[in-house]
């Protein structure tokens, strides 16, 4: 048998080592639930070849649906599509997911505008809870802007189960869900430390990752839309075209080389190659840009704090030490003379910085990069904006998950409570009438007994 030449043997060895490193470094979530709601199919693939298990399938043994008044609906001509089915909730109901790894989890809720036939879409109005978080308040079918709406959250789970609850707002309303994802997140997805940026300056904050986060914007700067197929956490990154202001002063850059992820730095789970391989750049060699800031603006809801994540990767410099620039958040200097060479000690090596800011009264968050007094180009590769849960652990107003549950539980105990109370009232009235009758019979003067007894009307607060 002929032997391979030495150089081919060596090349094969190097390739094998590279593949093994790639496989060992890839992220494999411990908890990984992809649920096709209202379906009994063992597996249906989405557009990105991920298998979603039907919530009525025997394969979903780690999932519990805790209500009897739920209705699975399927379109009359099944197409095998993920959004071919939906589950309807006519009363408060919940899914319970067994959690094997405590910590941060990605939770994605898929809502698809189906023809409900026997249900009036105008009555689709409900709350969505995850343990003690209120994710959605008064979510409605009429409020959906697209046929498919996906809402993504990052939640810290400290228990052995995660319970997702769907609560109709009124008794005549109903809730619905098309698909659910619950995925344990990599440890570096949300770090514990960030910089708070406000009018008082920039200060460090700890304990960040125990908060809840809702993804509001995920933007690939200077590059095209990135689909979940090209992201290890199945995220979608949109182009920055609608967010960047005065982009004529910058140029888009694409990089075809290898992105050098380093141990302890940004990983592919933080952002994929396609994010760090594209950017917008302000060149310091152009004298017209010496005092120019390139700005992106994002509309947000006021009254919340937001985590703003900025992604950087020097894909433009030929040598180290040639890139210095300033970073501004809400027009406040958040990072002065950022030198990626000192941080990464390498070209084409990714870095990201997290800032916590207030939404502000104007309902806009801005991110800017500009040239430093030290010279050099300014660059930005990507931006993410996350809404943080408020003081009552809500993403949608000052109503808490506890108050929603208390309201719906009030309806469940309302009839027994009213029945017992009514019996008590009748007994009290009977005793009172008997006492009056005895008193009248023993008295000299005779008077007519009252026959008019006022009614007691009690109603549950949840109706």
Protein backbone atom coordinates (compact mmCIF):
# COMPACT_ATOMS: atom_id res chain seq x y z
CA UNK A 1 0.00 0.00 0.00
CA UNK A 2 1.45 3.38 -1.07
CA UNK A 3 2.27 5.91 1.64
CA UNK A 4 1.20 9.52 1.53
CA UNK A 5 4.00 12.05 0.97
CA UNK A 6 5.21 13.68 4.18
CA UNK A 7 3.84 17.10 3.28
CA UNK A 8 0.36 15.63 2.65
CA UNK A 9 0.47 13.78 5.97
CA UNK A 10 1.45 16.99 7.75
CA UNK A 11 -1.28 18.98 5.97
CA UNK A 12 -3.87 16.35 6.90
CA UNK A 13 -2.74 16.48 10.54
CA UNK A 14 -3.01 20.28 10.66
CA UNK A 15 -6.48 20.16 9.06
CA UNK A 16 -7.64 17.52 11.57
CA UNK A 17 -6.41 19.59 14.52
CA UNK A 18 -8.16 22.66 13.09
CA UNK A 19 -11.47 20.79 12.69
CA UNK A 20 -11.24 19.33 16.21
CA UNK A 21 -10.59 22.79 17.68
CA UNK A 22 -13.53 24.20 15.73
CA UNK A 23 -15.87 21.46 16.94
CA UNK A 24 -14.70 21.65 20.55
CA UNK A 25 -15.10 25.43 20.62
CA UNK A 26 -18.62 25.40 19.15
CA UNK A 27 -21.46 26.14 21.54
CA UNK A 28 -23.80 23.30 22.50
CA UNK A 29 -26.69 24.45 24.74
CA UNK A 30 -27.59 22.22 27.69
CA UNK A 31 -31.24 23.28 27.56
CA UNK A 32 -32.51 23.37 24.00
CA UNK A 33 -36.29 23.38 23.49
CA UNK A 34 -37.80 24.08 20.07
CA UNK A 35 -41.58 23.68 20.39
CA UNK A 36 -44.15 23.68 17.58
CA UNK A 37 -47.32 24.72 19.40
CA UNK A 38 -50.66 23.06 18.63
CA UNK A 39 -49.00 20.21 16.73
CA UNK A 40 -48.53 16.50 17.33
CA UNK A 41 -45.79 16.15 14.69
CA UNK A 42 -42.60 14.67 16.18
CA UNK A 43 -40.48 17.14 14.19
CA UNK A 44 -41.06 19.96 11.70
CA UNK A 45 -38.13 21.92 10.26
CA UNK A 46 -38.11 25.69 10.03
CA UNK A 47 -36.50 27.66 7.21
CA UNK A 48 -33.06 27.10 8.77
CA UNK A 49 -33.32 23.30 9.16
CA UNK A 50 -33.99 23.35 12.89
CA UNK A 51 -36.39 20.67 14.12
CA UNK A 52 -39.32 21.90 16.21
CA UNK A 53 -41.16 19.24 18.24
CA UNK A 54 -44.96 19.32 18.49
CA UNK A 55 -46.23 20.17 21.97
CA UNK A 56 -48.58 17.14 21.75
CA UNK A 57 -45.85 14.84 20.47
CA UNK A 58 -44.45 12.05 22.68
CA UNK A 59 -41.01 13.56 21.97
CA UNK A 60 -41.85 16.57 24.16
CA UNK A 61 -41.54 14.62 27.41
CA UNK A 62 -39.67 17.43 29.23
CA UNK A 63 -42.53 19.84 28.51
CA UNK A 64 -45.76 20.18 30.50
CA UNK A 65 -48.89 22.07 29.40
CA UNK A 66 -50.86 22.93 32.53
CA UNK A 67 -54.40 23.65 31.36
CA UNK A 68 -57.31 21.70 29.92
CA UNK A 69 -59.00 24.56 28.08
CA UNK A 70 -56.43 24.93 25.33
CA UNK A 71 -57.22 24.28 21.69
CA UNK A 72 -54.73 23.19 19.01
CA UNK A 73 -55.60 24.64 15.60
CA UNK A 74 -54.18 23.46 12.29
CA UNK A 75 -54.81 24.86 8.83
CA UNK A 76 -57.12 22.72 6.71
CA UNK A 77 -54.41 22.00 4.14
CA UNK A 78 -51.30 21.04 6.18
CA UNK A 79 -48.12 22.10 4.44
CA UNK A 80 -45.54 20.84 6.94
CA UNK A 81 -44.65 24.44 7.69
CA UNK A 82 -43.66 25.47 11.24
CA UNK A 83 -46.42 28.09 11.34
CA UNK A 84 -49.12 25.73 10.10
CA UNK A 85 -50.43 25.22 13.66
CA UNK A 86 -51.17 27.37 16.70
CA UNK A 87 -52.35 26.80 20.25
CA UNK A 88 -55.27 28.82 21.59
CA UNK A 89 -55.66 29.61 25.31
CA UNK A 90 -59.19 30.43 26.45
CA UNK A 91 -58.17 30.58 30.11
CA UNK A 92 -54.88 31.17 32.00
CA UNK A 93 -52.49 28.40 30.90
CA UNK A 94 -48.78 27.66 31.04
CA UNK A 95 -45.94 25.62 29.60
CA UNK A 96 -43.33 24.30 32.07
CA UNK A 97 -39.81 23.59 30.81
CA UNK A 98 -37.37 21.48 32.80
CA UNK A 99 -34.15 23.47 33.32
CA UNK A 100 -30.91 21.47 33.53
CA UNK A 101 -28.52 24.44 33.63
CA UNK A 102 -29.41 27.46 35.75
CA UNK A 103 -28.42 30.85 34.42
CA UNK A 104 -29.24 33.02 31.40
CA UNK A 105 -31.64 31.56 28.84
CA UNK A 106 -32.79 32.78 25.44
CA UNK A 107 -36.58 32.75 25.17
CA UNK A 108 -38.15 33.36 21.76
CA UNK A 109 -41.91 33.59 21.25
CA UNK A 110 -43.26 33.11 17.72
CA UNK A 111 -46.64 34.59 16.83
CA UNK A 112 -48.16 33.89 13.41
CA UNK A 113 -51.25 35.58 12.06
CA UNK A 114 -53.49 32.58 11.27
CA UNK A 115 -57.09 32.47 10.09
CA UNK A 116 -58.64 31.34 13.37
CA UNK A 117 -62.03 30.64 11.70
CA UNK A 118 -64.11 29.92 14.84
CA UNK A 119 -62.28 32.64 16.82
CA UNK A 120 -62.61 36.35 16.22
CA UNK A 121 -59.10 37.77 15.89
CA UNK A 122 -60.26 40.99 17.56
CA UNK A 123 -60.54 39.02 20.82
CA UNK A 124 -56.91 37.85 20.76
CA UNK A 125 -55.70 39.98 23.67
CA UNK A 126 -53.49 38.52 26.42
CA UNK A 127 -50.50 38.78 28.76
CA UNK A 128 -47.38 36.60 28.60
CA UNK A 129 -45.37 35.80 31.75
CA UNK A 130 -42.12 33.92 32.36
CA UNK A 131 -41.84 32.99 36.04
CA UNK A 132 -41.95 36.40 37.78
CA UNK A 133 -41.27 38.43 34.61
CA UNK A 134 -44.05 40.13 32.65
CA UNK A 135 -42.91 39.78 29.04
CA UNK A 136 -45.92 41.13 27.14
CA UNK A 137 -48.82 43.21 28.42
CA UNK A 138 -52.08 43.34 26.44
CA UNK A 139 -50.48 41.70 23.41
CA UNK A 140 -53.01 41.56 20.57
CA UNK A 141 -53.36 40.09 17.11
CA UNK A 142 -54.48 43.47 15.77
CA UNK A 143 -51.29 45.03 17.11
CA UNK A 144 -49.03 42.76 15.02
CA UNK A 145 -47.27 44.65 12.24
CA UNK A 146 -46.23 41.54 10.30
CA UNK A 147 -47.70 38.11 9.62
CA UNK A 148 -44.96 36.61 11.81
CA UNK A 149 -43.66 38.37 14.90
CA UNK A 150 -40.81 36.95 17.00
CA UNK A 151 -40.11 38.45 20.43
CA UNK A 152 -36.77 37.54 22.00
CA UNK A 153 -35.75 37.77 25.67
CA UNK A 154 -32.71 36.86 27.75
CA UNK A 155 -33.86 35.77 31.22
CA UNK A 156 -31.96 34.60 34.28
CA UNK A 157 -33.46 31.29 35.50
CA UNK A 158 -32.58 30.22 39.06
CA UNK A 159 -35.03 27.32 39.43
CA UNK A 160 -35.38 23.81 38.01
CA UNK A 161 -38.31 24.86 35.84
CA UNK A 162 -39.20 27.80 33.63
CA UNK A 163 -42.93 28.48 33.43
CA UNK A 164 -44.34 30.44 30.49
CA UNK A 165 -47.90 31.60 31.17
CA UNK A 166 -50.53 32.97 28.78
CA UNK A 167 -53.33 34.92 30.45
CA UNK A 168 -56.32 36.36 28.50
CA UNK A 169 -56.96 39.97 29.50
CA UNK A 170 -60.73 39.52 29.82
CA UNK A 171 -62.94 36.45 30.01
CA UNK A 172 -64.05 36.96 26.40
CA UNK A 173 -60.45 37.16 25.17
CA UNK A 174 -58.03 34.42 24.21
CA UNK A 175 -54.29 34.00 23.81
CA UNK A 176 -52.27 32.15 21.21
CA UNK A 177 -48.72 31.03 20.41
CA UNK A 178 -47.22 29.40 17.30
CA UNK A 179 -43.77 28.31 18.45
CA UNK A 180 -41.46 28.65 21.46
CA UNK A 181 -37.69 28.47 21.88
CA UNK A 182 -35.99 28.08 25.26
CA UNK A 183 -32.20 27.81 24.95
CA UNK A 184 -29.54 28.03 27.65
CA UNK A 185 -27.31 30.98 26.73
CA UNK A 186 -23.51 30.98 26.62
CA UNK A 187 -21.92 32.52 29.70
CA UNK A 188 -20.50 35.48 27.78
CA UNK A 189 -23.78 36.47 26.14
CA UNK A 190 -24.58 38.92 28.96
CA UNK A 191 -21.65 39.81 31.19
CA UNK A 192 -21.97 40.89 34.83
CA UNK A 193 -20.20 44.24 34.32
CA UNK A 194 -21.04 47.26 32.15
CA UNK A 195 -20.50 51.03 32.08
CA UNK A 196 -23.37 53.33 33.07
CA UNK A 197 -23.43 56.41 30.83
CA UNK A 198 -25.41 59.49 31.93
CA UNK A 199 -25.02 63.21 32.50
CA UNK A 200 -22.86 62.52 35.56
CA UNK A 201 -20.27 60.71 33.46
CA UNK A 202 -19.32 57.06 33.09
CA UNK A 203 -19.34 54.63 36.04
CA UNK A 204 -19.04 50.85 36.37
CA UNK A 205 -22.02 48.68 37.32
CA UNK A 206 -21.98 45.09 38.63
CA UNK A 207 -24.68 42.42 38.85
CA UNK A 208 -25.95 43.11 35.35
CA UNK A 209 -26.62 39.57 34.13
CA UNK A 210 -29.27 38.82 36.78
CA UNK A 211 -31.60 41.29 35.05
CA UNK A 212 -34.01 40.45 32.25
CA UNK A 213 -33.42 41.74 28.72
CA UNK A 214 -35.58 42.09 25.63
CA UNK A 215 -33.88 42.39 22.24
CA UNK A 216 -34.99 45.61 20.58
CA UNK A 217 -32.39 46.08 17.81
CA UNK A 218 -29.62 43.88 16.43
CA UNK A 219 -27.73 45.64 13.65
CA UNK A 220 -24.93 44.62 11.29
CA UNK A 221 -23.09 47.87 10.56
CA UNK A 222 -21.83 48.30 7.01
CA UNK A 223 -23.02 44.87 5.92
CA UNK A 224 -26.16 43.03 4.72
CA UNK A 225 -28.85 41.29 6.72
CA UNK A 226 -27.62 38.16 8.51
CA UNK A 227 -30.11 35.31 8.82
CA UNK A 228 -30.22 32.73 11.66
CA UNK A 229 -28.57 30.22 9.32
CA UNK A 230 -25.31 32.20 9.66
CA UNK A 231 -25.48 32.74 13.43
CA UNK A 232 -24.60 30.12 16.03
CA UNK A 233 -27.47 31.32 18.26
CA UNK A 234 -29.92 31.59 15.34
CA UNK A 235 -30.25 35.38 15.56
CA UNK A 236 -31.21 37.84 12.84
CA UNK A 237 -29.05 40.94 12.26
CA UNK A 238 -30.50 43.68 10.06
CA UNK A 239 -28.63 46.17 7.91
CA UNK A 240 -27.89 49.57 9.45
CA UNK A 241 -29.23 51.57 6.49
CA UNK A 242 -32.33 52.86 8.31
CA UNK A 243 -30.43 53.78 11.48
CA UNK A 244 -27.24 55.50 10.26
CA UNK A 245 -27.28 59.26 9.77
CA UNK A 246 -25.18 61.12 7.16
CA UNK A 247 -23.54 57.92 5.98
CA UNK A 248 -22.00 59.79 3.03
CA UNK A 249 -19.09 60.79 5.27
CA UNK A 250 -18.19 57.14 5.86
CA UNK A 251 -17.36 54.13 3.74
CA UNK A 252 -18.48 50.53 4.04
CA UNK A 253 -15.72 47.94 4.46
CA UNK A 254 -15.90 44.17 3.90
CA UNK A 255 -13.22 41.75 5.08
CA UNK A 256 -12.58 38.37 3.45
CA UNK A 257 -9.89 37.16 5.85
CA UNK A 258 -10.22 35.12 9.04
CA UNK A 259 -11.69 36.73 12.15
CA UNK A 260 -9.35 35.92 15.04
CA UNK A 261 -11.46 35.06 18.08
CA UNK A 262 -9.34 34.96 21.23
CA UNK A 263 -9.82 33.13 24.50
CA UNK A 264 -11.44 35.49 27.01
CA UNK A 265 -12.57 37.87 24.25
CA UNK A 266 -15.61 38.05 22.05
CA UNK A 267 -16.78 34.67 20.75
CA UNK A 268 -18.92 33.66 17.77
CA UNK A 269 -21.83 33.41 20.21
CA UNK A 270 -21.43 37.10 21.02
CA UNK A 271 -21.54 37.93 17.30
CA UNK A 272 -20.81 35.90 14.14
CA UNK A 273 -18.01 36.40 11.60
CA UNK A 274 -20.30 38.34 9.27
CA UNK A 275 -20.75 41.08 11.89
CA UNK A 276 -17.05 41.49 12.61
CA UNK A 277 -16.22 41.11 8.91
CA UNK A 278 -18.08 44.29 7.89
CA UNK A 279 -17.98 47.87 9.19
CA UNK A 280 -18.40 51.54 8.53
CA UNK A 281 -15.22 53.61 8.75
CA UNK A 282 -14.40 57.31 9.01
CA UNK A 283 -10.98 57.92 7.56
CA UNK A 284 -8.67 60.30 9.44
CA UNK A 285 -6.77 61.02 6.22
CA UNK A 286 -9.76 62.99 4.97
CA UNK A 287 -9.41 66.48 6.47
CA UNK A 288 -13.19 67.03 6.19
CA UNK A 289 -13.71 64.25 8.75
CA UNK A 290 -11.35 65.60 11.41
CA UNK A 291 -14.26 66.71 13.63
CA UNK A 292 -16.97 64.47 12.24
CA UNK A 293 -18.97 61.92 14.24
CA UNK A 294 -20.85 59.13 12.51
CA UNK A 295 -24.15 58.51 14.34
CA UNK A 296 -26.81 55.80 14.51
CA UNK A 297 -30.19 56.47 16.18
CA UNK A 298 -32.66 53.94 17.60
CA UNK A 299 -36.26 54.73 18.64
CA UNK A 300 -37.08 53.31 22.09
CA UNK A 301 -39.76 53.50 24.78
CA UNK A 302 -38.94 55.96 27.55
CA UNK A 303 -38.98 55.02 31.23
CA UNK A 304 -36.64 52.02 30.89
CA UNK A 305 -32.93 51.40 31.07
CA UNK A 306 -31.26 49.91 28.03
CA UNK A 307 -28.14 47.86 27.49
CA UNK A 308 -26.30 49.11 24.41
CA UNK A 309 -23.65 46.73 23.06
CA UNK A 310 -21.13 48.06 20.52
CA UNK A 311 -19.04 45.64 18.42
CA UNK A 312 -15.58 46.49 17.08
CA UNK A 313 -13.00 44.68 14.96
CA UNK A 314 -10.05 46.34 13.22
CA UNK A 315 -10.39 45.02 9.68
CA UNK A 316 -8.96 48.16 8.03
CA UNK A 317 -5.50 48.74 9.53
CA UNK A 318 -2.29 47.32 8.03
CA UNK A 319 -0.34 47.60 11.27
CA UNK A 320 -1.11 47.70 14.98
CA UNK A 321 -1.47 51.06 16.70
CA UNK A 322 -3.06 52.91 13.80
CA UNK A 323 -6.68 52.99 15.01
CA UNK A 324 -7.74 55.47 17.73
CA UNK A 325 -11.26 56.86 18.04
CA UNK A 326 -13.95 58.06 20.44
CA UNK A 327 -17.28 56.39 21.23
CA UNK A 328 -20.36 58.36 22.26
CA UNK A 329 -23.67 57.09 23.65
CA UNK A 330 -26.57 59.56 23.81
CA UNK A 331 -24.04 62.27 22.83
CA UNK A 332 -21.99 61.59 25.97
CA UNK A 333 -18.34 60.55 25.63
CA UNK A 334 -18.40 56.90 26.74
CA UNK A 335 -14.95 55.77 25.56
CA UNK A 336 -12.10 58.15 24.72
CA UNK A 337 -9.18 57.18 22.48
CA UNK A 338 -10.31 53.58 22.06
CA UNK A 339 -7.26 51.61 20.94
CA UNK A 340 -8.21 48.14 19.77
CA UNK A 341 -4.54 47.17 19.32
CA UNK A 342 -3.85 47.53 23.04
CA UNK A 343 -6.96 45.54 23.96
CA UNK A 344 -6.66 42.65 21.49
CA UNK A 345 -2.96 42.84 20.54
CA UNK A 346 -4.00 41.70 17.07
CA UNK A 347 -5.65 42.87 13.89
CA UNK A 348 -9.03 41.40 12.89
CA UNK A 349 -9.69 40.37 16.48
CA UNK A 350 -13.17 41.26 17.85
CA UNK A 351 -14.01 43.31 20.92
CA UNK A 352 -17.29 44.57 22.35
CA UNK A 353 -18.25 47.15 24.98
CA UNK A 354 -21.49 47.31 27.01
CA UNK A 355 -23.13 50.54 28.16
CA UNK A 356 -26.28 51.04 30.26
CA UNK A 357 -28.30 54.17 29.46
CA UNK A 358 -31.74 55.65 30.12
CA UNK A 359 -34.29 55.64 27.33
CA UNK A 360 -34.73 59.37 27.77
CA UNK A 361 -37.73 61.62 27.25
CA UNK A 362 -37.10 62.00 23.52
CA UNK A 363 -37.47 58.25 22.95
CA UNK A 364 -34.18 57.92 21.07
CA UNK A 365 -30.85 56.25 21.85
CA UNK A 366 -27.87 57.35 19.79
CA UNK A 367 -24.47 55.75 19.23
CA UNK A 368 -21.62 57.67 17.57
CA UNK A 369 -17.98 57.11 16.67
CA UNK A 370 -15.58 59.89 15.82
CA UNK A 371 -11.92 60.57 15.20
CA UNK A 372 -9.64 60.96 18.22
CA UNK A 373 -7.23 63.79 18.86
CA UNK A 374 -4.53 61.10 18.63
CA UNK A 375 -5.44 60.49 14.99
CA UNK A 376 -6.47 57.28 13.26
CA UNK A 377 -9.68 55.97 11.72
CA UNK A 378 -12.98 55.44 13.54
CA UNK A 379 -14.86 52.18 13.07
CA UNK A 380 -18.04 50.38 14.15
CA UNK A 381 -19.02 46.81 13.18
CA UNK A 382 -22.30 46.19 15.00
CA UNK A 383 -24.82 47.49 17.56
CA UNK A 384 -27.34 45.74 19.78
CA UNK A 385 -29.96 47.44 21.96
CA UNK A 386 -31.70 45.53 24.78
CA UNK A 387 -34.54 46.83 26.94
CA UNK A 388 -33.94 45.98 30.62
CA UNK A 389 -36.74 44.85 32.91
CA UNK A 390 -37.95 47.54 35.32
CA UNK A 391 -38.38 47.57 39.10
CA UNK A 392 -41.40 45.21 38.97
CA UNK A 393 -39.61 42.87 36.51
CA UNK A 394 -41.79 44.00 33.64
CA UNK A 395 -40.90 44.85 30.03
CA UNK A 396 -44.26 46.45 29.37
CA UNK A 397 -45.47 48.98 31.94
CA UNK A 398 -45.60 49.00 35.73
CA UNK A 399 -47.91 46.00 35.98
CA UNK A 400 -46.19 42.97 37.51
CA UNK A 401 -46.53 39.25 36.80
CA UNK A 402 -47.78 38.81 40.36
CA UNK A 403 -50.65 41.26 39.87
CA UNK A 404 -51.69 39.56 36.62
CA UNK A 405 -51.74 36.14 38.29
CA UNK A 406 -53.57 37.52 41.32
CA UNK A 407 -56.22 38.95 39.02
CA UNK A 408 -56.81 35.74 37.09
CA UNK A 409 -56.75 33.64 40.27
CA UNK A 410 -59.42 35.94 41.59
CA UNK A 411 -61.73 34.70 38.86
CA UNK A 412 -60.96 31.09 39.59
CA UNK A 413 -61.89 31.39 43.27
CA UNK A 414 -64.62 33.97 42.69
CA UNK A 415 -67.64 31.64 42.40
CA UNK A 416 -66.87 29.53 45.49
CA UNK A 417 -66.15 32.68 47.45
CA UNK A 418 -69.39 34.34 46.35
CA UNK A 419 -71.37 31.16 47.06
CA UNK A 420 -70.03 30.86 50.62
CA UNK A 421 -70.51 34.57 51.22
CA UNK A 422 -74.12 34.39 49.95
CA UNK A 423 -74.91 31.51 52.33
CA UNK A 424 -73.44 33.54 55.19
CA UNK A 425 -75.56 36.58 54.28
CA UNK A 426 -78.74 34.47 54.10
CA UNK A 427 -78.04 32.93 57.52
CA UNK A 428 -77.43 36.37 59.02
CA UNK A 429 -80.66 37.74 57.55
CA UNK A 430 -82.59 34.68 58.79
CA UNK A 431 -81.30 35.12 62.34
CA UNK A 432 -82.10 38.83 62.25
CA UNK A 433 -85.67 38.22 61.08
CA UNK A 434 -86.16 35.58 63.75
CA UNK A 435 -84.95 37.96 66.45
CA UNK A 436 -87.27 40.72 65.22
CA UNK A 437 -90.19 38.30 65.13
CA UNK A 438 -89.61 37.17 68.71
CA UNK A 439 -89.27 40.79 69.87
CA UNK A 440 -92.52 41.79 68.18
CA UNK A 441 -94.44 38.86 69.60
CA UNK A 442 -93.31 39.76 73.14
CA UNK A 443 -94.15 43.45 72.80
CA UNK A 444 -97.52 45.11 73.43
CA UNK A 445 -97.42 47.20 70.24
CA UNK A 446 -97.71 45.35 66.96
CA UNK A 447 -95.79 46.46 63.86
CA UNK A 448 -95.51 45.10 60.31
CA UNK A 449 -92.40 42.98 59.53
CA UNK A 450 -90.15 44.33 56.74
CA UNK A 451 -90.35 42.23 53.61
CA UNK A 452 -87.85 44.22 51.56
CA UNK A 453 -84.27 42.82 51.88
CA UNK A 454 -81.48 44.48 49.90
CA UNK A 455 -79.44 42.32 47.53
CA UNK A 456 -75.69 41.83 47.76
CA UNK A 457 -73.87 41.87 44.39
CA UNK A 458 -70.28 40.77 44.29
CA UNK A 459 -68.14 40.53 41.21
CA UNK A 460 -64.65 39.24 40.58
CA UNK A 461 -62.08 41.80 39.50
CA UNK A 462 -61.16 39.51 36.58
CA UNK A 463 -64.08 39.29 34.12
